[in-house]
Protein backbone atom coordinates (compact mmCIF):
# COMPACT_ATOMS: atom_id res chain seq x y z
CA MET A 1 6.44 10.29 53.53
CA THR A 2 8.31 8.32 50.68
CA ALA A 3 5.99 5.58 50.44
CA ARG A 4 2.77 8.16 49.57
CA ILE A 5 5.47 9.84 47.24
CA PHE A 6 6.19 6.37 45.37
CA LEU A 7 2.58 5.50 45.15
CA LYS A 8 2.00 9.15 43.38
CA LEU A 9 5.01 8.57 41.22
CA ILE A 10 4.35 5.13 40.24
CA LEU A 11 0.45 5.53 39.77
CA GLY A 12 1.62 8.82 37.66
CA THR A 13 3.76 6.62 35.45
CA LEU A 14 0.99 3.88 35.49
CA CYS A 15 -1.37 6.27 34.07
CA VAL A 16 1.07 7.96 31.16
CA LEU A 17 1.58 4.03 30.13
CA LEU A 18 -2.06 3.27 30.08
CA VAL A 19 -2.46 6.27 28.27
CA ALA A 20 0.23 5.27 25.68
CA LEU A 21 -1.19 2.01 25.66
CA ALA A 22 -4.85 2.89 24.57
CA ALA A 23 -3.06 5.53 21.81
CA ALA A 24 -1.05 2.51 20.38
CA ASP A 25 -4.04 0.29 20.54
CA ILE A 26 -6.20 2.81 18.71
CA LEU A 27 -3.60 4.32 15.99
CA ALA A 28 -2.22 0.69 15.49
CA SER A 29 -5.90 -0.64 14.79
CA ARG A 30 -6.81 1.78 12.27
CA VAL A 31 -3.40 1.06 10.66
CA ALA A 32 -3.69 -2.72 10.54
CA GLU A 33 -7.45 -2.05 9.47
CA GLN A 34 -6.78 0.29 6.57
CA THR A 35 -3.41 -1.84 5.69
CA HIS A 36 -5.57 -5.37 5.98
CA LEU A 37 -8.51 -4.16 3.36
CA ASP A 38 -6.04 -2.59 1.05
CA THR A 39 -4.12 -5.88 0.57
CA LEU A 40 -7.61 -7.40 0.08
CA GLU A 41 -8.84 -4.96 -2.32
CA SER A 42 -5.63 -5.66 -4.45
CA GLU A 43 -6.27 -9.23 -4.13
CA LEU A 44 -9.91 -9.36 -4.79
CA ALA A 45 -8.61 -7.00 -7.92
CA SER A 46 -6.20 -9.35 -8.80
CA ARG A 47 -8.58 -12.42 -8.98
CA GLY A 48 -11.02 -10.50 -10.83
CA GLN A 49 -9.30 -9.87 -13.67
CA THR A 50 -8.13 -13.74 -13.63
CA LEU A 51 -11.58 -14.65 -13.53
CA CYS A 52 -12.66 -12.30 -16.49
CA ALA A 53 -12.42 -14.93 -19.09
CA LEU A 54 -14.16 -17.95 -17.09
CA VAL A 55 -17.14 -16.53 -16.10
CA GLN A 56 -19.26 -16.05 -19.51
CA GLY A 57 -22.70 -16.88 -18.71
CA ASP A 58 -22.31 -20.61 -17.37
CA ARG A 59 -24.04 -20.98 -14.01
CA HIS A 60 -22.04 -24.05 -13.01
CA GLU A 61 -18.41 -21.88 -14.08
CA VAL A 62 -19.48 -19.41 -12.05
CA ALA A 63 -20.15 -21.11 -9.34
CA LEU A 64 -16.98 -22.81 -9.38
CA ALA A 65 -15.22 -19.47 -9.82
CA SER A 66 -17.25 -17.74 -6.90
CA ARG A 67 -15.64 -21.19 -4.76
CA SER A 68 -11.97 -20.64 -5.92
CA ALA A 69 -12.32 -16.70 -5.52
CA ALA A 70 -13.81 -17.43 -1.63
CA ALA A 71 -16.37 -14.37 -2.90
CA ARG A 72 -19.02 -13.27 -3.74
CA LEU A 73 -19.25 -13.12 -7.79
CA THR A 74 -21.74 -10.26 -9.81
CA ARG A 75 -21.32 -9.98 -13.46
CA VAL A 76 -22.19 -6.94 -14.74
CA SER A 77 -23.20 -5.67 -18.77
CA ALA A 78 -21.58 -2.81 -20.03
CA ASP A 79 -25.22 -0.77 -19.27
CA GLY A 80 -25.40 -1.72 -15.74
CA ARG A 81 -27.84 -4.24 -16.03
CA VAL A 82 -26.87 -7.84 -13.98
CA ILE A 83 -26.32 -10.70 -16.16
CA PHE A 84 -25.46 -13.19 -12.76
CA ASP A 85 -25.04 -13.03 -8.97
CA THR A 86 -23.87 -15.92 -7.18
CA GLU A 87 -26.00 -15.40 -4.09
CA ALA A 88 -29.40 -13.48 -5.19
CA ASN A 89 -31.65 -13.65 -8.44
CA ALA A 90 -29.84 -11.40 -11.07
CA VAL A 91 -33.49 -10.80 -12.62
CA LYS A 92 -34.68 -8.98 -9.61
CA MET A 93 -31.56 -7.09 -8.87
CA GLU A 94 -31.60 -3.42 -10.11
CA ASN A 95 -29.79 -1.87 -12.55
CA HIS A 96 -25.55 -1.52 -10.85
CA ARG A 97 -24.64 1.22 -13.41
CA ASP A 98 -24.29 3.75 -10.50
CA ARG A 99 -22.60 1.78 -8.04
CA PRO A 100 -19.22 3.65 -7.34
CA GLU A 101 -17.27 0.32 -8.01
CA ILE A 102 -19.12 -0.42 -10.94
CA ALA A 103 -18.87 3.11 -12.46
CA ALA A 104 -15.28 2.92 -12.09
CA ALA A 105 -14.91 -0.36 -13.83
CA LEU A 106 -16.99 0.59 -16.82
CA ARG A 107 -14.51 3.38 -17.24
CA GLY A 108 -12.14 0.57 -17.34
CA GLU A 109 -10.79 1.36 -13.90
CA ASN A 110 -10.54 -1.34 -10.63
CA GLY A 111 -13.03 0.28 -7.88
CA SER A 112 -13.79 -0.42 -4.88
CA ALA A 113 -16.73 0.73 -2.18
CA ARG A 114 -17.46 -0.73 1.77
CA ARG A 115 -21.49 -0.82 2.02
CA ARG A 116 -24.55 -2.58 3.06
CA SER A 117 -25.79 -4.76 0.79
CA GLY A 118 -29.10 -4.19 -0.26
CA THR A 119 -30.21 -7.41 -1.59
CA VAL A 120 -28.50 -9.66 0.64
CA GLY A 121 -28.46 -7.26 4.19
CA THR A 122 -24.33 -7.89 4.48
CA GLU A 123 -21.85 -5.27 4.78
CA TYR A 124 -19.68 -6.56 1.73
CA LEU A 125 -16.37 -5.29 0.47
CA TYR A 126 -16.88 -4.66 -3.54
CA VAL A 127 -14.13 -4.54 -5.65
CA ALA A 128 -14.74 -4.35 -9.93
CA VAL A 129 -12.62 -4.99 -12.68
CA PRO A 130 -13.58 -4.23 -16.09
CA CYS A 131 -14.83 -7.30 -18.29
CA GLU A 132 -15.29 -7.69 -21.92
CA LYS A 133 -18.69 -5.92 -22.51
CA GLY A 134 -19.21 -4.75 -18.98
CA ALA A 135 -17.57 -5.48 -15.48
CA LEU A 136 -16.93 -7.96 -13.07
CA ARG A 137 -17.46 -7.61 -9.26
CA LEU A 138 -16.35 -9.60 -6.14
CA ALA A 139 -17.81 -8.94 -2.52
CA VAL A 140 -16.37 -10.56 0.64
CA PRO A 141 -18.18 -9.82 3.59
CA LEU A 142 -16.20 -7.48 6.62
CA GLU A 143 -17.17 -9.04 8.99
CA GLY A 144 -15.15 -11.74 8.13
CA VAL A 145 -12.29 -8.95 7.44
CA THR A 146 -13.62 -7.55 11.20
CA ARG A 147 -12.35 -10.68 13.08
CA GLN A 148 -8.86 -10.98 11.51
CA VAL A 149 -8.50 -7.24 12.18
CA TYR A 150 -9.18 -7.81 16.16
CA ALA A 151 -6.96 -10.61 15.32
CA ILE A 152 -4.33 -8.31 14.36
CA ARG A 153 -5.18 -6.16 16.81
CA GLY A 154 -5.39 -8.56 20.17
CA ARG A 155 -1.74 -9.45 18.66
CA MET A 156 -0.37 -6.46 18.47
CA LEU A 157 -1.91 -5.30 21.60
CA GLY A 158 -0.39 -8.29 23.54
CA SER A 159 3.55 -7.15 21.85
CA ILE A 160 2.71 -4.11 23.33
CA VAL A 161 1.63 -4.85 26.88
CA LEU A 162 4.76 -7.26 26.88
CA ALA A 163 7.10 -4.13 25.47
CA PHE A 164 5.18 -2.23 28.51
CA ILE A 165 5.75 -4.62 31.45
CA PRO A 166 10.01 -4.01 31.71
CA ALA A 167 9.10 -0.78 30.98
CA PHE A 168 6.94 -0.54 34.04
CA PHE A 169 9.58 -1.76 36.65
CA VAL A 170 12.23 0.48 35.33
CA ALA A 171 9.58 3.09 35.91
CA ALA A 172 8.94 1.73 39.13
CA PHE A 173 12.85 1.40 39.92
CA PHE A 174 13.24 5.54 39.01
CA ALA A 175 10.07 6.26 41.08
CA ARG A 176 11.53 4.63 44.41
CA SER A 177 14.95 6.02 43.67
CA VAL A 178 13.33 9.88 43.29
CA SER A 179 10.81 9.30 45.84
CA SER A 180 13.35 7.96 47.97
CA LYS A 181 15.15 11.53 47.45
CA LEU A 182 12.34 13.81 47.79
CA GLY A 183 11.13 11.60 51.20
CA THR A 184 14.88 12.51 52.41
CA ILE A 185 14.77 16.03 51.14
CA ILE A 186 11.44 16.64 53.11
CA ASP A 187 12.43 15.37 55.99
CA TYR A 188 15.55 17.66 56.35
CA ALA A 189 13.05 20.50 55.29
CA ALA A 190 11.20 19.70 58.40
CA LYS A 191 14.46 19.84 60.48
CA LEU A 192 15.40 23.36 59.26
CA ALA A 193 11.71 24.46 60.05
CA GLU A 194 11.77 23.36 63.41
CA GLY A 195 15.32 25.18 63.74
CA ARG A 196 17.51 21.99 64.24
CA PHE A 197 19.77 23.86 61.44
CA GLN A 198 23.22 21.57 62.72
CA ALA A 199 21.52 18.45 60.99
CA ARG A 200 22.79 17.50 57.36
CA LEU A 201 21.60 15.87 54.20
CA ASP A 202 23.55 12.54 53.16
CA ASP A 203 24.86 12.54 49.77
CA LEU A 204 22.18 12.06 46.97
CA GLY A 205 24.01 11.64 44.14
CA LYS A 206 24.92 13.74 41.11
CA ASP A 207 21.92 14.12 40.04
CA GLU A 208 19.26 17.50 40.14
CA LEU A 209 18.08 16.02 43.47
CA GLY A 210 21.69 15.55 44.72
CA HIS A 211 22.48 19.03 43.56
CA LEU A 212 19.12 20.62 45.52
CA GLY A 213 20.57 18.64 48.55
CA GLN A 214 23.80 20.05 48.19
CA ARG A 215 22.14 23.55 48.53
CA LEU A 216 19.85 22.95 50.89
CA ASN A 217 22.88 21.39 53.37
CA GLU A 218 24.47 25.11 52.24
CA THR A 219 21.53 26.78 53.10
CA GLY A 220 21.69 24.50 56.68
CA ARG A 221 25.18 25.42 56.91
CA ASN A 222 24.56 29.39 56.72
CA LEU A 223 21.43 29.38 58.71
CA GLU A 224 23.13 27.46 61.64
CA ARG A 225 25.93 30.34 61.43
CA ILE A 226 23.37 33.08 61.30
CA PHE A 227 21.56 31.70 64.22
CA GLU A 228 24.60 31.14 66.33
CA GLU A 229 25.82 35.05 65.38
CA LEU A 230 22.32 36.21 66.95
CA GLN A 231 22.54 33.47 69.98
CA ARG A 232 25.87 35.52 70.56
CA GLU A 233 24.72 38.71 69.73
CA HIS A 234 21.67 38.16 71.60
CA ARG A 235 24.01 36.99 75.15
CA GLU A 236 26.28 39.92 74.17
CA LEU A 237 23.40 42.39 74.26
CA GLU A 238 22.08 40.74 77.56
CA LYS A 239 25.79 41.10 79.00
CA GLN A 240 25.81 44.77 77.95
CA GLU A 241 22.27 45.25 79.72
CA GLN A 242 23.39 43.64 82.65
CA VAL A 243 26.71 45.53 82.78
CA ARG A 244 24.36 48.89 82.58
CA LYS A 245 22.45 48.26 85.03
CA ASP A 246 25.19 47.14 87.24
CA PHE A 247 26.68 50.50 86.57
CA VAL A 248 24.05 52.47 87.12
CA ILE A 249 23.61 51.09 90.71
CA ASN A 250 27.67 51.34 90.99
CA VAL A 251 27.77 54.13 90.22
CA SER A 252 24.57 55.94 92.33
CA HIS A 253 26.01 54.06 94.92
CA GLU A 254 29.49 55.50 95.09
CA LEU A 255 27.99 59.00 94.62
CA ARG A 256 25.38 58.75 97.52
CA THR A 257 28.13 58.54 100.28
CA PRO A 258 30.20 61.43 99.33
CA LEU A 259 27.41 63.87 98.18
CA ALA A 260 25.69 62.86 101.24
CA SER A 261 28.74 63.75 103.61
CA ILE A 262 28.93 67.27 101.49
CA LEU A 263 25.27 68.26 102.25
CA GLY A 264 25.36 67.21 105.59
CA TYR A 265 28.40 69.01 106.64
CA THR A 266 27.53 72.00 104.49
CA ASP A 267 24.26 72.48 106.29
CA THR A 268 25.94 72.02 109.76
CA LEU A 269 27.99 74.78 108.95
CA LEU A 270 25.04 77.09 107.79
CA ALA A 271 23.64 76.08 110.65
CA GLY A 272 26.27 77.92 113.18
CA ALA A 273 28.92 75.96 112.95
CA ILE A 274 31.04 77.80 110.58
CA ASN A 275 31.36 80.47 113.39
CA GLU A 276 32.58 77.90 115.54
CA PRO A 277 36.71 77.70 115.43
CA GLY A 278 37.23 74.38 117.05
CA HIS A 279 34.95 72.69 114.13
CA ASN A 280 34.58 75.06 110.65
CA VAL A 281 38.06 73.91 109.41
CA ARG A 282 37.31 70.50 109.87
CA PHE A 283 34.10 70.20 108.18
CA LEU A 284 35.74 72.51 105.26
CA GLU A 285 38.38 69.77 104.79
CA ILE A 286 35.87 66.76 104.65
CA ILE A 287 34.23 68.80 101.83
CA ARG A 288 37.19 69.26 99.81
CA ASN A 289 37.95 65.60 100.46
CA ASN A 290 34.51 64.29 99.68
CA THR A 291 34.62 66.54 96.85
CA GLU A 292 38.51 65.43 95.64
CA ARG A 293 37.02 61.96 95.49
CA LEU A 294 34.13 62.82 93.57
CA THR A 295 36.09 64.18 91.08
CA ASN A 296 38.64 61.75 91.06
CA LEU A 297 35.12 59.03 90.14
CA ALA A 298 34.11 61.46 87.27
CA SER A 299 37.81 61.46 86.25
CA ASP A 300 37.97 57.39 86.21
CA LEU A 301 34.50 57.35 84.68
CA LEU A 302 35.31 59.70 81.74
CA THR A 303 38.20 57.43 81.08
CA LEU A 304 36.78 54.09 81.01
CA THR A 305 34.32 55.48 78.76
CA ARG A 306 36.81 56.50 76.08
CA ILE A 307 38.42 53.38 76.39
CA GLU A 308 35.48 51.18 75.87
CA GLN A 309 33.99 53.46 72.73
CA LYS A 310 37.38 54.09 71.32
CA ALA A 311 37.51 58.00 71.61
CA GLU A 312 40.89 57.29 73.52
CA LYS A 313 43.60 57.98 70.99
CA PHE A 314 46.84 56.29 71.45
CA GLN A 315 50.08 57.27 69.99
CA PHE A 316 51.88 54.00 69.66
CA ALA A 317 55.71 53.53 69.66
CA SER A 318 58.62 51.96 70.92
CA TYR A 319 59.99 52.49 74.40
CA TYR A 320 62.85 51.13 76.58
CA VAL A 321 61.11 49.45 79.39
CA ASN A 322 63.56 50.30 82.45
CA GLY A 323 62.96 54.21 81.30
CA LEU A 324 59.17 53.64 81.67
CA LEU A 325 59.76 51.73 85.03
CA LEU A 326 62.15 54.90 86.22
CA ASP A 327 59.65 57.61 85.30
CA CYS A 328 56.65 55.99 86.97
CA VAL A 329 58.82 55.38 89.99
CA ASP A 330 59.37 58.79 90.26
CA SER A 331 56.42 60.51 89.76
CA ILE A 332 54.86 58.47 92.55
CA ARG A 333 58.08 58.52 94.93
CA PRO A 334 56.29 61.50 96.59
CA ILE A 335 53.35 59.79 98.02
CA ALA A 336 55.29 56.78 98.88
CA ASP A 337 57.76 58.86 100.96
CA LYS A 338 54.92 60.27 102.53
CA LYS A 339 54.16 57.42 103.91
CA HIS A 340 57.31 55.79 104.54
CA VAL A 341 57.14 52.93 101.62
CA ARG A 342 60.66 52.02 99.78
CA LEU A 343 60.15 51.70 96.13
CA ARG A 344 62.25 49.49 94.56
CA ILE A 345 62.92 48.50 90.38
CA GLU A 346 63.73 45.08 89.58
CA ALA A 347 65.40 46.11 85.85
CA ALA A 348 64.80 44.70 82.88
CA PRO A 349 67.34 43.55 80.49
CA ASP A 350 68.83 46.63 78.64
CA GLN A 351 67.94 47.40 75.36
CA CYS A 352 63.96 45.61 76.05
CA GLU A 353 61.65 47.70 74.86
CA VAL A 354 57.63 47.31 74.13
CA PHE A 355 55.30 49.04 71.75
CA ALA A 356 53.10 50.80 73.35
CA ASP A 357 51.67 54.65 74.27
CA SER A 358 53.78 55.79 77.00
CA THR A 359 50.85 57.83 79.09
CA ALA A 360 48.59 54.79 78.89
CA ILE A 361 51.11 52.74 80.48
CA HIS A 362 52.59 55.83 82.98
CA GLN A 363 48.47 55.12 84.21
CA VAL A 364 48.48 51.76 84.46
CA ILE A 365 51.74 51.42 86.62
CA GLY A 366 50.60 54.22 88.43
CA ASN A 367 47.35 53.29 89.22
CA LEU A 368 49.05 49.93 90.35
CA LEU A 369 51.42 51.48 92.53
CA ASP A 370 48.94 53.98 93.84
CA ASN A 371 46.95 50.60 95.23
CA ALA A 372 49.87 49.01 96.60
CA ILE A 373 50.89 52.24 98.44
CA LYS A 374 47.34 52.61 99.86
CA TYR A 375 47.41 48.79 100.91
CA SER A 376 51.12 48.29 102.28
CA PRO A 377 51.94 49.03 105.83
CA GLU A 378 54.14 52.06 107.03
CA GLY A 379 57.56 50.73 106.71
CA GLY A 380 56.60 48.22 103.92
CA GLU A 381 58.40 47.51 100.67
CA ILE A 382 57.18 47.97 96.71
CA VAL A 383 59.21 46.17 94.46
CA VAL A 384 58.33 47.27 90.24
CA GLY A 385 59.79 44.87 87.20
CA ALA A 386 59.88 43.92 84.24
CA ARG A 387 61.30 41.13 82.51
CA PRO A 388 60.74 38.92 79.34
CA ALA A 389 57.38 37.14 79.63
CA PRO A 390 58.14 33.33 80.28
CA LYS A 391 54.81 32.07 78.42
CA SER A 392 54.48 34.44 76.27
CA PRO A 393 57.03 35.16 73.34
CA GLY A 394 57.19 38.44 72.20
CA PHE A 395 55.30 40.13 75.27
CA VAL A 396 57.48 41.71 78.16
CA GLN A 397 55.57 41.29 81.53
CA PHE A 398 55.62 44.26 83.93
CA SER A 399 54.91 43.32 87.68
CA VAL A 400 54.05 45.72 91.04
CA LYS A 401 54.28 43.89 94.26
CA ASP A 402 53.26 45.05 97.78
CA SER A 403 53.88 43.66 101.42
CA GLY A 404 50.09 44.61 102.14
CA PRO A 405 47.68 42.09 103.78
CA GLY A 406 47.06 40.03 100.41
CA ILE A 407 44.15 38.83 98.65
CA PRO A 408 42.22 35.78 99.34
CA GLU A 409 41.81 33.80 96.21
CA SER A 410 37.82 33.69 96.01
CA GLU A 411 37.96 37.29 95.60
CA GLN A 412 40.90 37.20 93.07
CA SER A 413 39.03 36.89 90.05
CA ARG A 414 36.78 39.98 90.49
CA LEU A 415 39.53 42.39 91.54
CA PHE A 416 39.49 44.10 87.90
CA GLU A 417 35.55 44.50 87.45
CA ARG A 418 34.40 47.98 88.13
CA PHE A 419 33.61 49.07 91.67
CA TYR A 420 34.49 45.83 93.04
CA ARG A 421 36.19 46.08 96.29
CA VAL A 422 38.06 43.28 98.85
CA ASP A 423 37.32 45.73 101.58
CA LYS A 424 34.53 48.09 100.66
CA ALA A 425 34.53 49.98 104.21
CA ARG A 426 38.98 49.96 104.24
CA SER A 427 38.73 50.93 100.35
CA ARG A 428 36.44 54.29 100.35
CA ASP A 429 38.72 55.47 103.53
CA LEU A 430 41.47 55.01 101.34
CA GLY A 431 39.94 57.59 98.84
CA GLY A 432 39.76 54.77 96.58
CA THR A 433 37.12 55.09 93.21
CA GLY A 434 37.07 51.44 92.65
CA LEU A 435 37.71 51.88 89.40
CA GLY A 436 41.89 51.93 89.10
CA LEU A 437 41.99 48.58 88.17
CA ALA A 438 39.22 48.11 86.00
CA ILE A 439 41.24 50.92 83.92
CA VAL A 440 44.10 48.97 84.22
CA LYS A 441 42.33 45.96 82.50
CA HIS A 442 40.85 47.93 79.88
CA LEU A 443 44.31 49.76 78.84
CA VAL A 444 46.34 46.62 78.82
CA LYS A 445 43.81 44.92 76.62
CA THR A 446 43.67 47.71 74.42
CA HIS A 447 47.76 46.98 74.01
CA GLY A 448 47.12 43.51 73.43
CA GLY A 449 48.23 42.24 76.45
CA GLU A 450 47.14 40.25 79.80
CA VAL A 451 46.48 41.22 83.30
CA GLY A 452 46.47 39.38 86.57
CA VAL A 453 47.53 38.87 90.03
CA VAL A 454 48.61 36.33 92.56
CA SER A 455 48.75 36.66 95.88
CA GLU A 456 48.07 34.94 99.51
CA PRO A 457 46.22 36.34 102.62
CA GLY A 458 49.10 37.85 104.71
CA ALA A 459 52.25 37.67 102.20
CA GLY A 460 51.37 40.44 99.70
CA SER A 461 49.81 40.87 96.30
CA THR A 462 51.82 40.85 92.83
CA PHE A 463 49.61 42.78 90.01
CA TRP A 464 51.00 41.83 86.87
CA PHE A 465 50.46 42.58 82.94
CA THR A 466 52.23 42.21 79.59
CA LEU A 467 52.92 44.05 76.98
CA PRO A 468 54.13 43.11 72.86
CA VAL A 469 57.52 43.75 72.35
CA GLY A 470 56.44 44.92 68.79
CA ASP A 471 52.97 45.96 66.63
CA THR A 472 50.77 43.25 67.39
CA GLY A 473 48.13 44.91 64.83
CA LEU A 474 45.36 44.33 67.93
CA SER A 475 45.11 47.52 69.19
CA GLU A 476 42.23 48.48 66.66
CA THR A 477 40.49 44.56 66.25
CA ARG A 478 37.29 44.28 67.11
CA SER A 479 37.74 40.88 69.19
CA LEU A 480 38.84 43.16 72.20
CA GLN A 481 35.68 45.07 72.45
CA ALA A 482 33.66 42.18 74.20
CA GLN A 483 36.57 42.00 76.37
CA PHE A 484 35.90 45.65 77.00
CA THR A 485 31.98 45.35 77.94
CA GLU A 486 32.93 42.73 80.59
CA PRO A 487 32.17 44.06 84.16
């Protein structure tokens, strides 16, 4: 590519130089010819005036004068008659009164003309000067003049060619530089066309091509950024589409079981079991439990959807941590007492505060405590506590520790996904919707915090989350949207 560009540039430069050389040759030749003729005419006129007194008719004198003047001499009388001529018989020559140069000389002026001689048959330059009782004309063949002009033209042309040689090499140097830069730019444009937006041009200098290279680098950076954004958006759309498909499948699965149970027991009652005292009340209780399960599922789905779509309105303010813990534990204590599970609070330092929405945090702690009570055995203990986050300055870490069966490490990374259950059969028996921990994660993310779990099989589980001490400004940031759409 660079070689072709260089060849085109050098050929173009050569053509320009050849055209300039031809134009210079034509113009210089004309100027040289005209200058030489003007000089020759002036010299012949000067010689003619000097010879006028010497050529009065003696043939010997005329011959000597012709040789000294290096020209053909013609003496013309006042009436135009040729008195003598050094190269022709004057008697046979016609009257010269009408010749332009003779007419001018007879009027007392120097005259000149260029034409073919009818007597000799040769191209001449004629110069006539006025003389006593007539005129004297000097003539030189134009063939000699032409040779001299060609000689001058050759010398001038040689000088011009010598002057053009360094110009050619300078043009070749610049053509090589320009072709190299253009080749680099074209190669870079090809890379952009192939989608290699991470490629960059080297510095091409401060000239126009260098400026163009800088603009192309900026274009490459912009294309790379746009392409990465499109790729990221495409991946996000694919992930959201997969989340949507999984969500539909999970919701359909979660709805199918309670609906099938309600339909089956309703048909049984309608078939006559409603009149059987030993079965009708138990069947109605099963129908009610499954209806409550559907109601809880719909409520959790609605809550999760509002959070993800930022439709949930939060009222952020500063709250004492111990007050939040006490309110949450008091509200769920009846459920724990019913199962004979003891609740204990490990208080945070006095005056410890968090910046949060109290209703949302009440739901977070409530969901964690509800799960802890469900999976703790009768007579077990649940510890709820809070302390400054050891690895996150400016945050408070809350924890809910139960005495349940624990969770295998392989399952822990998926606990906060929607509808994910470690023990699916037991979870449904306990009435869970599979959305509690997902709601916990989304509410905590909305506050700018983090969630996690520490557990070992047979040693219980500790669920924790963090909340900021002050306003972090993350509750309305777009960066959380991607986290909300995770499974």
